[in-house]
C-alpha atoms as a PDB file:
ATOM      1  CA  UNK A   1    -104.940  35.556 -31.776  1.00  0.00           C
ATOM      2  CA  UNK A   2    -107.686  33.023 -31.139  1.00  0.00           C
ATOM      3  CA  UNK A   3    -111.092  34.393 -30.333  1.00  0.00           C
ATOM      4  CA  UNK A   4    -112.899  33.525 -27.137  1.00  0.00           C
ATOM      5  CA  UNK A   5    -115.563  31.542 -28.950  1.00  0.00           C
ATOM      6  CA  UNK A   6    -113.193  29.557 -31.122  1.00  0.00           C
ATOM      7  CA  UNK A   7    -110.038  28.849 -29.162  1.00  0.00           C
ATOM      8  CA  UNK A   8    -107.097  27.479 -31.099  1.00  0.00           C
ATOM      9  CA  UNK A   9    -105.872  24.152 -29.694  1.00  0.00           C
ATOM     10  CA  UNK A  10    -102.532  24.532 -27.911  1.00  0.00           C
ATOM     11  CA  UNK A  11    -100.179  22.065 -26.269  1.00  0.00           C
ATOM     12  CA  UNK A  12    -100.594  23.090 -22.629  1.00  0.00           C
ATOM     13  CA  UNK A  13     -99.594  19.696 -21.277  1.00  0.00           C
ATOM     14  CA  UNK A  14     -96.070  20.886 -20.479  1.00  0.00           C
ATOM     15  CA  UNK A  15     -97.223  23.622 -18.074  1.00  0.00           C
ATOM     16  CA  UNK A  16     -98.427  21.286 -15.291  1.00  0.00           C
ATOM     17  CA  UNK A  17     -95.207  19.313 -15.778  1.00  0.00           C
ATOM     18  CA  UNK A  18     -93.076  22.413 -15.249  1.00  0.00           C
ATOM     19  CA  UNK A  19     -95.172  23.419 -12.251  1.00  0.00           C
ATOM     20  CA  UNK A  20     -94.803  19.972 -10.694  1.00  0.00           C
ATOM     21  CA  UNK A  21     -91.043  20.099 -11.179  1.00  0.00           C
ATOM     22  CA  UNK A  22     -90.836  23.473  -9.476  1.00  0.00           C
ATOM     23  CA  UNK A  23     -92.846  22.297  -6.478  1.00  0.00           C
ATOM     24  CA  UNK A  24     -90.737  19.147  -6.248  1.00  0.00           C
ATOM     25  CA  UNK A  25     -87.564  21.155  -5.641  1.00  0.00           C
ATOM     26  CA  UNK A  26     -89.233  23.491  -3.132  1.00  0.00           C
ATOM     27  CA  UNK A  27     -87.317  22.746   0.068  1.00  0.00           C
ATOM     28  CA  UNK A  28     -85.817  26.092   1.011  1.00  0.00           C
ATOM     29  CA  UNK A  29     -83.786  26.595   4.174  1.00  0.00           C
ATOM     30  CA  UNK A  30     -85.310  28.989   6.696  1.00  0.00           C
ATOM     31  CA  UNK A  31     -83.867  32.469   7.212  1.00  0.00           C
ATOM     32  CA  UNK A  32     -84.947  35.895   8.347  1.00  0.00           C
ATOM     33  CA  UNK A  33     -86.836  37.578   5.521  1.00  0.00           C
ATOM     34  CA  UNK A  34     -86.819  41.193   4.434  1.00  0.00           C
ATOM     35  CA  UNK A  35     -89.904  42.879   2.983  1.00  0.00           C
ATOM     36  CA  UNK A  36     -91.311  41.139  -0.079  1.00  0.00           C
ATOM     37  CA  UNK A  37     -90.711  42.888  -3.408  1.00  0.00           C
ATOM     38  CA  UNK A  38     -92.864  41.960  -6.400  1.00  0.00           C
ATOM     39  CA  UNK A  39     -91.965  42.337 -10.064  1.00  0.00           C
ATOM     40  CA  UNK A  40     -93.707  45.725 -10.406  1.00  0.00           C
ATOM     41  CA  UNK A  41     -96.343  44.070 -12.587  1.00  0.00           C
ATOM     42  CA  UNK A  42    -100.117  44.335 -12.569  1.00  0.00           C
ATOM     43  CA  UNK A  43    -102.275  41.206 -12.696  1.00  0.00           C
ATOM     44  CA  UNK A  44    -105.384  41.924 -14.772  1.00  0.00           C
ATOM     45  CA  UNK A  45    -108.416  39.860 -15.812  1.00  0.00           C
ATOM     46  CA  UNK A  46    -107.768  39.336 -19.529  1.00  0.00           C
ATOM     47  CA  UNK A  47    -108.539  35.803 -20.694  1.00  0.00           C
ATOM     48  CA  UNK A  48    -108.545  34.643 -24.329  1.00  0.00           C
ATOM     49  CA  UNK A  49    -108.506  30.815 -24.321  1.00  0.00           C
ATOM     50  CA  UNK A  50    -105.638  29.431 -26.351  1.00  0.00           C
ATOM     51  CA  UNK A  51    -103.368  32.446 -25.940  1.00  0.00           C
ATOM     52  CA  UNK A  52     -99.705  32.138 -25.074  1.00  0.00           C
ATOM     53  CA  UNK A  53     -97.675  35.112 -23.886  1.00  0.00           C
ATOM     54  CA  UNK A  54     -93.960  35.554 -23.270  1.00  0.00           C
ATOM     55  CA  UNK A  55     -93.130  38.250 -20.721  1.00  0.00           C
ATOM     56  CA  UNK A  56     -89.918  39.960 -19.701  1.00  0.00           C
ATOM     57  CA  UNK A  57     -90.284  42.196 -16.616  1.00  0.00           C
ATOM     58  CA  UNK A  58     -87.227  44.305 -15.731  1.00  0.00           C
ATOM     59  CA  UNK A  59     -86.191  46.902 -13.152  1.00  0.00           C
ATOM     60  CA  UNK A  60     -83.012  48.903 -12.461  1.00  0.00           C
ATOM     61  CA  UNK A  61     -82.782  50.888  -9.212  1.00  0.00           C
ATOM     62  CA  UNK A  62     -80.317  53.497  -8.017  1.00  0.00           C
ATOM     63  CA  UNK A  63     -79.889  55.969  -5.149  1.00  0.00           C
ATOM     64  CA  UNK A  64     -80.366  53.051  -2.779  1.00  0.00           C
ATOM     65  CA  UNK A  65     -81.049  53.603   0.942  1.00  0.00           C
ATOM     66  CA  UNK A  66     -77.883  53.204   2.972  1.00  0.00           C
ATOM     67  CA  UNK A  67     -77.746  50.173   5.178  1.00  0.00           C
ATOM     68  CA  UNK A  68     -78.185  50.678   8.904  1.00  0.00           C
ATOM     69  CA  UNK A  69     -75.784  48.881  11.194  1.00  0.00           C
ATOM     70  CA  UNK A  70     -75.156  48.336  14.883  1.00  0.00           C
ATOM     71  CA  UNK A  71     -73.379  45.893  17.172  1.00  0.00           C
ATOM     72  CA  UNK A  72     -74.965  43.222  19.296  1.00  0.00           C
ATOM     73  CA  UNK A  73     -74.187  42.432  22.931  1.00  0.00           C
ATOM     74  CA  UNK A  74     -71.102  40.470  21.869  1.00  0.00           C
ATOM     75  CA  UNK A  75     -69.778  43.332  19.754  1.00  0.00           C
ATOM     76  CA  UNK A  76     -70.559  41.598  16.472  1.00  0.00           C
ATOM     77  CA  UNK A  77     -71.970  43.760  13.647  1.00  0.00           C
ATOM     78  CA  UNK A  78     -75.635  43.389  12.739  1.00  0.00           C
ATOM     79  CA  UNK A  79     -77.338  44.961   9.730  1.00  0.00           C
ATOM     80  CA  UNK A  80     -80.874  45.884   8.837  1.00  0.00           C
ATOM     81  CA  UNK A  81     -82.715  43.290   6.734  1.00  0.00           C
ATOM     82  CA  UNK A  82     -84.294  45.700   4.243  1.00  0.00           C
ATOM     83  CA  UNK A  83     -84.714  44.177   0.763  1.00  0.00           C
ATOM     84  CA  UNK A  84     -82.518  46.169  -1.633  1.00  0.00           C
ATOM     85  CA  UNK A  85     -82.157  45.050  -5.255  1.00  0.00           C
ATOM     86  CA  UNK A  86     -80.161  46.960  -7.866  1.00  0.00           C
ATOM     87  CA  UNK A  87     -81.257  44.937 -10.883  1.00  0.00           C
ATOM     88  CA  UNK A  88     -84.036  42.409 -11.609  1.00  0.00           C
ATOM     89  CA  UNK A  89     -85.061  40.475 -14.709  1.00  0.00           C
ATOM     90  CA  UNK A  90     -87.999  38.052 -14.823  1.00  0.00           C
ATOM     91  CA  UNK A  91     -88.671  35.740 -17.779  1.00  0.00           C
ATOM     92  CA  UNK A  92     -92.122  34.158 -17.860  1.00  0.00           C
ATOM     93  CA  UNK A  93     -94.457  32.147 -20.059  1.00  0.00           C
ATOM     94  CA  UNK A  94     -98.196  32.486 -19.544  1.00  0.00           C
ATOM     95  CA  UNK A  95    -101.026  30.374 -20.962  1.00  0.00           C
ATOM     96  CA  UNK A  96    -104.738  31.142 -20.899  1.00  0.00           C
ATOM     97  CA  UNK A  97    -106.400  27.797 -20.278  1.00  0.00           C
ATOM     98  CA  UNK A  98    -110.029  28.981 -20.261  1.00  0.00           C
ATOM     99  CA  UNK A  99    -112.159  32.095 -19.889  1.00  0.00           C
ATOM    100  CA  UNK A 100    -111.626  31.935 -16.118  1.00  0.00           C
ATOM    101  CA  UNK A 101    -108.109  30.514 -15.672  1.00  0.00           C
ATOM    102  CA  UNK A 102    -104.568  31.631 -16.540  1.00  0.00           C
ATOM    103  CA  UNK A 103    -101.315  29.949 -15.534  1.00  0.00           C
ATOM    104  CA  UNK A 104     -97.769  31.227 -15.582  1.00  0.00           C
ATOM    105  CA  UNK A 105     -94.312  29.812 -14.873  1.00  0.00           C
ATOM    106  CA  UNK A 106     -91.160  31.874 -14.688  1.00  0.00           C
ATOM    107  CA  UNK A 107     -87.639  32.478 -13.465  1.00  0.00           C
ATOM    108  CA  UNK A 108     -86.092  35.611 -11.975  1.00  0.00           C
ATOM    109  CA  UNK A 109     -82.567  37.011 -11.974  1.00  0.00           C
ATOM    110  CA  UNK A 110     -81.501  39.497  -9.292  1.00  0.00           C
ATOM    111  CA  UNK A 111     -78.524  41.600  -8.301  1.00  0.00           C
ATOM    112  CA  UNK A 112     -79.209  42.157  -4.624  1.00  0.00           C
ATOM    113  CA  UNK A 113     -77.408  43.518  -1.608  1.00  0.00           C
ATOM    114  CA  UNK A 114     -75.283  40.987   0.239  1.00  0.00           C
ATOM    115  CA  UNK A 115     -76.960  39.521   3.303  1.00  0.00           C
ATOM    116  CA  UNK A 116     -73.929  38.080   5.053  1.00  0.00           C
ATOM    117  CA  UNK A 117     -71.043  40.531   5.566  1.00  0.00           C
ATOM    118  CA  UNK A 118     -68.504  40.624   8.410  1.00  0.00           C
ATOM    119  CA  UNK A 119     -67.355  44.219   7.995  1.00  0.00           C
ATOM    120  CA  UNK A 120     -69.570  47.298   8.251  1.00  0.00           C
ATOM    121  CA  UNK A 121     -67.588  48.840   5.378  1.00  0.00           C
ATOM    122  CA  UNK A 122     -69.100  46.279   3.019  1.00  0.00           C
ATOM    123  CA  UNK A 123     -72.660  46.577   4.286  1.00  0.00           C
ATOM    124  CA  UNK A 124     -73.833  48.286   1.080  1.00  0.00           C
ATOM    125  CA  UNK A 125     -72.064  45.903  -1.314  1.00  0.00           C
ATOM    126  CA  UNK A 126     -74.014  44.023  -3.982  1.00  0.00           C
ATOM    127  CA  UNK A 127     -73.551  40.518  -5.297  1.00  0.00           C
ATOM    128  CA  UNK A 128     -73.488  39.427  -8.931  1.00  0.00           C
ATOM    129  CA  UNK A 129     -76.541  39.182 -11.141  1.00  0.00           C
ATOM    130  CA  UNK A 130     -77.698  35.577 -10.763  1.00  0.00           C
ATOM    131  CA  UNK A 131     -80.681  33.269 -11.125  1.00  0.00           C
ATOM    132  CA  UNK A 132     -82.566  33.856  -7.889  1.00  0.00           C
ATOM    133  CA  UNK A 133     -85.920  32.031  -7.928  1.00  0.00           C
ATOM    134  CA  UNK A 134     -88.539  30.061  -9.838  1.00  0.00           C
ATOM    135  CA  UNK A 135     -92.259  30.695  -9.542  1.00  0.00           C
ATOM    136  CA  UNK A 136     -95.663  29.295 -10.480  1.00  0.00           C
ATOM    137  CA  UNK A 137     -98.728  31.542 -10.692  1.00  0.00           C
ATOM    138  CA  UNK A 138    -102.453  30.963 -11.210  1.00  0.00           C
ATOM    139  CA  UNK A 139    -105.017  33.707 -11.900  1.00  0.00           C
ATOM    140  CA  UNK A 140    -108.713  32.886 -11.535  1.00  0.00           C
ATOM    141  CA  UNK A 141    -111.303  35.191 -13.112  1.00  0.00           C
ATOM    142  CA  UNK A 142    -114.615  35.253 -11.245  1.00  0.00           C
ATOM    143  CA  UNK A 143    -116.207  38.081 -13.241  1.00  0.00           C
ATOM    144  CA  UNK A 144    -114.757  39.487 -16.443  1.00  0.00           C
ATOM    145  CA  UNK A 145    -114.857  43.195 -17.205  1.00  0.00           C
ATOM    146  CA  UNK A 146    -117.840  43.747 -19.577  1.00  0.00           C
ATOM    147  CA  UNK A 147    -116.867  44.850 -23.093  1.00  0.00           C
ATOM    148  CA  UNK A 148    -119.125  47.875 -22.688  1.00  0.00           C
ATOM    149  CA  UNK A 149    -117.286  48.853 -19.499  1.00  0.00           C
ATOM    150  CA  UNK A 150    -117.650  48.024 -15.838  1.00  0.00           C
ATOM    151  CA  UNK A 151    -115.885  46.178 -13.044  1.00  0.00           C
ATOM    152  CA  UNK A 152    -114.441  42.661 -12.858  1.00  0.00           C
ATOM    153  CA  UNK A 153    -113.066  40.506 -10.051  1.00  0.00           C
ATOM    154  CA  UNK A 154    -110.541  37.706  -9.755  1.00  0.00           C
ATOM    155  CA  UNK A 155    -107.879  36.171  -7.516  1.00  0.00           C
ATOM    156  CA  UNK A 156    -104.149  35.533  -7.649  1.00  0.00           C
ATOM    157  CA  UNK A 157    -102.170  32.644  -6.157  1.00  0.00           C
ATOM    158  CA  UNK A 158     -98.414  32.345  -6.598  1.00  0.00           C
ATOM    159  CA  UNK A 159     -95.662  30.142  -5.196  1.00  0.00           C
ATOM    160  CA  UNK A 160     -92.061  31.421  -5.227  1.00  0.00           C
ATOM    161  CA  UNK A 161     -89.053  29.220  -4.511  1.00  0.00           C
ATOM    162  CA  UNK A 162     -85.593  30.835  -4.085  1.00  0.00           C
ATOM    163  CA  UNK A 163     -82.645  28.822  -5.356  1.00  0.00           C
ATOM    164  CA  UNK A 164     -80.110  30.015  -2.784  1.00  0.00           C
ATOM    165  CA  UNK A 165     -79.660  27.976   0.372  1.00  0.00           C
ATOM    166  CA  UNK A 166     -80.941  29.707   3.475  1.00  0.00           C
ATOM    167  CA  UNK A 167     -83.748  31.626   1.793  1.00  0.00           C
ATOM    168  CA  UNK A 168     -87.467  31.260   2.499  1.00  0.00           C
ATOM    169  CA  UNK A 169     -90.220  30.159   0.155  1.00  0.00           C
ATOM    170  CA  UNK A 170     -93.120  32.559  -0.378  1.00  0.00           C
ATOM    171  CA  UNK A 171     -96.774  32.132  -1.203  1.00  0.00           C
ATOM    172  CA  UNK A 172     -98.746  35.113  -2.525  1.00  0.00           C
ATOM    173  CA  UNK A 173    -102.548  35.257  -2.254  1.00  0.00           C
ATOM    174  CA  UNK A 174    -105.030  38.041  -2.902  1.00  0.00           C
ATOM    175  CA  UNK A 175    -107.845  39.608  -4.945  1.00  0.00           C
ATOM    176  CA  UNK A 176    -107.706  41.336  -8.329  1.00  0.00           C
ATOM    177  CA  UNK A 177    -110.064  44.195  -9.181  1.00  0.00           C
ATOM    178  CA  UNK A 178    -110.208  45.751 -12.653  1.00  0.00           C
ATOM    179  CA  UNK A 179    -112.429  48.501 -14.064  1.00  0.00           C
ATOM    180  CA  UNK A 180    -112.818  50.037 -17.527  1.00  0.00           C
ATOM    181  CA  UNK A 181    -114.909  53.038 -18.525  1.00  0.00           C
ATOM    182  CA  UNK A 182    -114.282  54.329 -22.027  1.00  0.00           C
ATOM    183  CA  UNK A 183    -110.552  55.008 -22.503  1.00  0.00           C
ATOM    184  CA  UNK A 184    -109.946  54.955 -18.749  1.00  0.00           C
ATOM    185  CA  UNK A 185    -108.918  51.849 -16.853  1.00  0.00           C
ATOM    186  CA  UNK A 186    -107.841  50.865 -13.352  1.00  0.00           C
ATOM    187  CA  UNK A 187    -106.342  47.700 -11.869  1.00  0.00           C
ATOM    188  CA  UNK A 188    -105.718  46.915  -8.208  1.00  0.00           C
ATOM    189  CA  UNK A 189    -103.924  43.953  -6.606  1.00  0.00           C
ATOM    190  CA  UNK A 190    -103.819  43.504  -2.830  1.00  0.00           C
ATOM    191  CA  UNK A 191    -101.848  40.433  -1.773  1.00  0.00           C
ATOM    192  CA  UNK A 192    -100.832  38.672   1.412  1.00  0.00           C
ATOM    193  CA  UNK A 193     -97.270  37.324   1.212  1.00  0.00           C
ATOM    194  CA  UNK A 194     -96.321  34.478   3.546  1.00  0.00           C
ATOM    195  CA  UNK A 195     -92.679  33.456   4.027  1.00  0.00           C
ATOM    196  CA  UNK A 196     -92.085  29.885   5.119  1.00  0.00           C
ATOM    197  CA  UNK A 197     -89.529  27.069   5.254  1.00  0.00           C
ATOM    198  CA  UNK A 198     -89.047  23.668   6.858  1.00  0.00           C
ATOM    199  CA  UNK A 199     -85.414  23.605   7.957  1.00  0.00           C
ATOM    200  CA  UNK A 200     -82.460  21.724   6.573  1.00  0.00           C
ATOM    201  CA  UNK A 201     -83.176  18.077   5.843  1.00  0.00           C
ATOM    202  CA  UNK A 202     -81.446  15.760   8.238  1.00  0.00           C
ATOM    203  CA  UNK A 203     -80.350  18.558  10.557  1.00  0.00           C
ATOM    204  CA  UNK A 204     -81.678  20.605  13.438  1.00  0.00           C
ATOM    205  CA  UNK A 205     -84.419  23.082  12.629  1.00  0.00           C
ATOM    206  CA  UNK A 206     -83.034  26.639  12.955  1.00  0.00           C
ATOM    207  CA  UNK A 207     -84.972  29.700  13.977  1.00  0.00           C
ATOM    208  CA  UNK A 208     -87.098  31.058  11.120  1.00  0.00           C
ATOM    209  CA  UNK A 209     -89.167  34.134  10.449  1.00  0.00           C
ATOM    210  CA  UNK A 210     -92.365  32.835   8.836  1.00  0.00           C
ATOM    211  CA  UNK A 211     -94.018  36.239   8.720  1.00  0.00           C
ATOM    212  CA  UNK A 212     -96.820  37.737   6.624  1.00  0.00           C
ATOM    213  CA  UNK A 213     -96.364  40.871   4.514  1.00  0.00           C
ATOM    214  CA  UNK A 214     -99.079  42.928   2.810  1.00  0.00           C
ATOM    215  CA  UNK A 215     -98.243  44.024  -0.750  1.00  0.00           C
ATOM    216  CA  UNK A 216    -100.116  46.095  -3.317  1.00  0.00           C
ATOM    217  CA  UNK A 217     -99.920  47.039  -7.007  1.00  0.00           C
ATOM    218  CA  UNK A 218    -102.144  49.662  -8.651  1.00  0.00           C
ATOM    219  CA  UNK A 219    -102.549  51.219 -12.075  1.00  0.00           C
ATOM    220  CA  UNK A 220    -104.624  54.080 -13.469  1.00  0.00           C
ATOM    221  CA  UNK A 221    -104.439  54.119 -17.276  1.00  0.00           C
ATOM    222  CA  UNK A 222    -105.649  56.073 -20.296  1.00  0.00           C
ATOM    223  CA  UNK A 223    -105.751  54.337 -23.700  1.00  0.00           C
ATOM    224  CA  UNK A 224    -105.092  56.890 -26.443  1.00  0.00           C
ATOM    225  CA  UNK A 225    -105.553  54.466 -29.358  1.00  0.00           C
ATOM    226  CA  UNK A 226    -104.757  50.888 -30.368  1.00  0.00           C
ATOM    227  CA  UNK A 227    -101.025  51.565 -30.013  1.00  0.00           C
ATOM    228  CA  UNK A 228    -100.503  53.908 -27.061  1.00  0.00           C
ATOM    229  CA  UNK A 229    -101.468  53.658 -23.401  1.00  0.00           C
ATOM    230  CA  UNK A 230    -100.341  55.987 -20.585  1.00  0.00           C
ATOM    231  CA  UNK A 231    -100.396  54.900 -16.956  1.00  0.00           C
ATOM    232  CA  UNK A 232     -99.647  55.922 -13.395  1.00  0.00           C
ATOM    233  CA  UNK A 233     -98.575  52.925 -11.326  1.00  0.00           C
ATOM    234  CA  UNK A 234     -97.785  52.335  -7.671  1.00  0.00           C
ATOM    235  CA  UNK A 235     -96.187  49.375  -5.880  1.00  0.00           C
ATOM    236  CA  UNK A 236     -95.408  48.716  -2.251  1.00  0.00           C
ATOM    237  CA  UNK A 237     -95.103  46.391   0.723  1.00  0.00           C
ATOM    238  CA  UNK A 238     -96.054  46.741   4.364  1.00  0.00           C
ATOM    239  CA  UNK A 239     -93.318  44.733   6.062  1.00  0.00           C
ATOM    240  CA  UNK A 240     -94.754  42.281   8.566  1.00  0.00           C
ATOM    241  CA  UNK A 241     -98.445  42.214   9.474  1.00  0.00           C
ATOM    242  CA  UNK A 242     -98.741  42.665  13.226  1.00  0.00           C
ATOM    243  CA  UNK A 243     -96.290  40.448  15.070  1.00  0.00           C
ATOM    244  CA  UNK A 244     -96.422  37.569  12.605  1.00  0.00           C
ATOM    245  CA  UNK A 245     -93.400  35.333  12.276  1.00  0.00           C
ATOM    246  CA  UNK A 246     -90.373  35.256  14.532  1.00  0.00           C
ATOM    247  CA  UNK A 247     -88.671  38.667  14.457  1.00  0.00           C
ATOM    248  CA  UNK A 248     -84.911  38.601  14.966  1.00  0.00           C
ATOM    249  CA  UNK A 249     -82.522  41.041  16.576  1.00  0.00           C
ATOM    250  CA  UNK A 250     -82.452  43.037  13.336  1.00  0.00           C
ATOM    251  CA  UNK A 251     -86.076  44.038  13.770  1.00  0.00           C
ATOM    252  CA  UNK A 252     -85.540  44.968  17.415  1.00  0.00           C
ATOM    253  CA  UNK A 253     -82.649  47.219  16.396  1.00  0.00           C
ATOM    254  CA  UNK A 254     -83.984  48.773  13.184  1.00  0.00           C
ATOM    255  CA  UNK A 255     -87.729  48.096  12.999  1.00  0.00           C
ATOM    256  CA  UNK A 256     -89.724  47.087   9.917  1.00  0.00           C
ATOM    257  CA  UNK A 257     -89.007  48.313   6.400  1.00  0.00           C
ATOM    258  CA  UNK A 258     -92.073  49.379   4.457  1.00  0.00           C
ATOM    259  CA  UNK A 259     -91.486  50.029   0.745  1.00  0.00           C
ATOM    260  CA  UNK A 260     -93.517  52.408  -1.446  1.00  0.00           C
ATOM    261  CA  UNK A 261     -92.898  53.690  -4.978  1.00  0.00           C
ATOM    262  CA  UNK A 262     -94.967  55.203  -7.800  1.00  0.00           C
ATOM    263  CA  UNK A 263     -94.523  56.874 -11.163  1.00  0.00           C
ATOM    264  CA  UNK A 264     -95.593  57.298 -14.812  1.00  0.00           C
ATOM    265  CA  UNK A 265     -95.267  54.686 -17.547  1.00  0.00           C
ATOM    266  CA  UNK A 266     -96.071  54.483 -21.245  1.00  0.00           C
ATOM    267  CA  UNK A 267     -96.932  51.340 -23.227  1.00  0.00           C
ATOM    268  CA  UNK A 268     -96.670  50.928 -26.999  1.00  0.00           C
ATOM    269  CA  UNK A 269     -98.206  47.928 -28.808  1.00  0.00           C
ATOM    270  CA  UNK A 270     -97.724  46.898 -32.406  1.00  0.00           C
ATOM    271  CA  UNK A 271     -98.088  43.934 -34.728  1.00  0.00           C
ATOM    272  CA  UNK A 272     -94.954  42.825 -36.580  1.00  0.00           C
ATOM    273  CA  UNK A 273     -97.247  41.799 -39.461  1.00  0.00           C
ATOM    274  CA  UNK A 274     -98.351  45.397 -39.910  1.00  0.00           C
ATOM    275  CA  UNK A 275    -102.121  44.912 -39.478  1.00  0.00           C
ATOM    276  CA  UNK A 276    -104.326  46.840 -37.063  1.00  0.00           C
ATOM    277  CA  UNK A 277    -103.977  45.789 -33.442  1.00  0.00           C
ATOM    278  CA  UNK A 278    -107.676  46.186 -32.758  1.00  0.00           C
ATOM    279  CA  UNK A 279    -108.556  43.042 -34.680  1.00  0.00           C
ATOM    280  CA  UNK A 280    -105.990  41.004 -32.779  1.00  0.00           C
ATOM    281  CA  UNK A 281    -107.474  42.145 -29.486  1.00  0.00           C
ATOM    282  CA  UNK A 282    -111.014  41.311 -30.505  1.00  0.00           C
ATOM    283  CA  UNK A 283    -112.046  44.965 -31.029  1.00  0.00           C
ATOM    284  CA  UNK A 284    -114.653  45.518 -33.717  1.00  0.00           C
ATOM    285  CA  UNK A 285    -115.345  48.486 -35.981  1.00  0.00           C
ATOM    286  CA  UNK A 286    -119.075  49.016 -36.004  1.00  0.00           C
ATOM    287  CA  UNK A 287    -118.911  50.556 -39.486  1.00  0.00           C
ATOM    288  CA  UNK A 288    -116.972  47.734 -41.086  1.00  0.00           C
ATOM    289  CA  UNK A 289    -118.437  45.092 -43.340  1.00  0.00           C
ATOM    290  CA  UNK A 290    -117.970  41.751 -41.534  1.00  0.00           C
ATOM    291  CA  UNK A 291    -118.289  39.740 -44.713  1.00  0.00           C
ATOM    292  CA  UNK A 292    -115.635  41.826 -46.451  1.00  0.00           C
ATOM    293  CA  UNK A 293    -113.165  41.910 -43.590  1.00  0.00           C
ATOM    294  CA  UNK A 294    -113.814  38.571 -41.888  1.00  0.00           C
ATOM    295  CA  UNK A 295    -110.940  36.804 -43.595  1.00  0.00           C
ATOM    296  CA  UNK A 296    -108.528  39.644 -42.842  1.00  0.00           C
ATOM    297  CA  UNK A 297    -109.520  39.635 -39.160  1.00  0.00           C
ATOM    298  CA  UNK A 298    -109.010  35.874 -38.987  1.00  0.00           C
ATOM    299  CA  UNK A 299    -105.496  36.373 -40.375  1.00  0.00           C
ATOM    300  CA  UNK A 300    -104.885  39.105 -37.788  1.00  0.00           C
ATOM    301  CA  UNK A 301    -105.874  36.717 -35.005  1.00  0.00           C
ATOM    302  CA  UNK A 302    -103.006  34.427 -35.987  1.00  0.00           C
ATOM    303  CA  UNK A 303    -100.402  37.181 -35.680  1.00  0.00           C
ATOM    304  CA  UNK A 304     -98.499  38.165 -32.582  1.00  0.00           C
ATOM    305  CA  UNK A 305     -98.858  41.436 -30.678  1.00  0.00           C
ATOM    306  CA  UNK A 306     -95.773  42.989 -29.086  1.00  0.00           C
ATOM    307  CA  UNK A 307     -96.044  45.465 -26.202  1.00  0.00           C
ATOM    308  CA  UNK A 308     -93.126  47.510 -24.889  1.00  0.00           C
ATOM    309  CA  UNK A 309     -93.524  49.414 -21.625  1.00  0.00           C
ATOM    310  CA  UNK A 310     -91.123  51.863 -19.979  1.00  0.00           C
ATOM    311  CA  UNK A 311     -91.311  54.338 -17.115  1.00  0.00           C
ATOM    312  CA  UNK A 312     -89.903  55.594 -13.821  1.00  0.00           C
ATOM    313  CA  UNK A 313     -90.948  54.728 -10.288  1.00  0.00           C
ATOM    314  CA  UNK A 314     -89.940  57.111  -7.524  1.00  0.00           C
ATOM    315  CA  UNK A 315     -89.378  56.094  -3.912  1.00  0.00           C
ATOM    316  CA  UNK A 316     -91.920  57.533  -1.492  1.00  0.00           C
ATOM    317  CA  UNK A 317     -90.114  56.812   1.782  1.00  0.00           C
ATOM    318  CA  UNK A 318     -86.602  56.415   3.180  1.00  0.00           C
ATOM    319  CA  UNK A 319     -86.545  52.609   2.889  1.00  0.00           C
ATOM    320  CA  UNK A 320     -87.145  52.654  -0.882  1.00  0.00           C
ATOM    321  CA  UNK A 321     -84.628  53.461  -3.661  1.00  0.00           C
ATOM    322  CA  UNK A 322     -85.128  56.993  -4.972  1.00  0.00           C
ATOM    323  CA  UNK A 323     -85.364  55.895  -8.613  1.00  0.00           C
ATOM    324  CA  UNK A 324     -86.377  52.688 -10.380  1.00  0.00           C
ATOM    325  CA  UNK A 325     -86.397  52.314 -14.162  1.00  0.00           C
ATOM    326  CA  UNK A 326     -89.134  49.828 -15.061  1.00  0.00           C
ATOM    327  CA  UNK A 327     -89.384  48.321 -18.529  1.00  0.00           C
ATOM    328  CA  UNK A 328     -91.195  45.313 -19.917  1.00  0.00           C
ATOM    329  CA  UNK A 329     -91.565  43.359 -23.142  1.00  0.00           C
ATOM    330  CA  UNK A 330     -94.615  41.169 -23.801  1.00  0.00           C
ATOM    331  CA  UNK A 331     -95.173  39.026 -26.884  1.00  0.00           C
ATOM    332  CA  UNK A 332     -98.689  37.623 -27.260  1.00  0.00           C
ATOM    333  CA  UNK A 333     -99.213  34.688 -29.625  1.00  0.00           C
END
């Protein structure tokens, strides 16, 4: 892994190209939007220029909330617009461009509850697992967390474009706060999520719900050693800030759908090359002889670090699935 002072040159030219391509296809059709659901992932303030990282973020939920239904004035069935996903898989590539800037591009697969059903009996049916959206993310670090411990600040900006016709684009904006004191750490993300769309090209502009949601992600962690970290994480969304957007008849019938879940996770990191992880992360042993170990640490910097995380998130209200298995795989080059 390249050090901060001597970044290894990397070919980052393709990242802006991918980002431009994603924005070029961003012409989603407007639709009523359920509460935003993130990837159950914390955005921290790490920044080692020259680093590349592959990430796979995954979630499997069960004991889903049953769908509420009613009939409108014409006797047609209407259903609540809660966001219910049984399975999600995100594949992402992240590059650290400088000590204050990271960029990420990714795709996401989802198996979600069907939006359009004509029979109440099928209101809780799920579609197939399919490619759902593409996204571009930028993290800006204003103040890094001091190596000796302390607090750092940054900001997140993300654009999400769904691939299915009739879905809304989303933009995610908000601050990042991270703190470290000895083996203890904490990360907090508070984001505003705006849903928007411009209507079908060449046709009339239909009604749309360009609302704002408020989402959060938090983590309290304890690092046991270079390999093991234990964490308590929480994720949630407050569906619709105030009266933003254009609420439809679903909201009048069923109200908003706030989502909250939390639970324990464990992370294990290792180096396939078999060397100590501390060197790859820039950690130094005060008792070591730099002259004797300098070459070994340089070799360690060139090796990858793999981190596997797994845990359970439990629903904290009636709108949220009772159980969500969260697991992730990160490979840092």
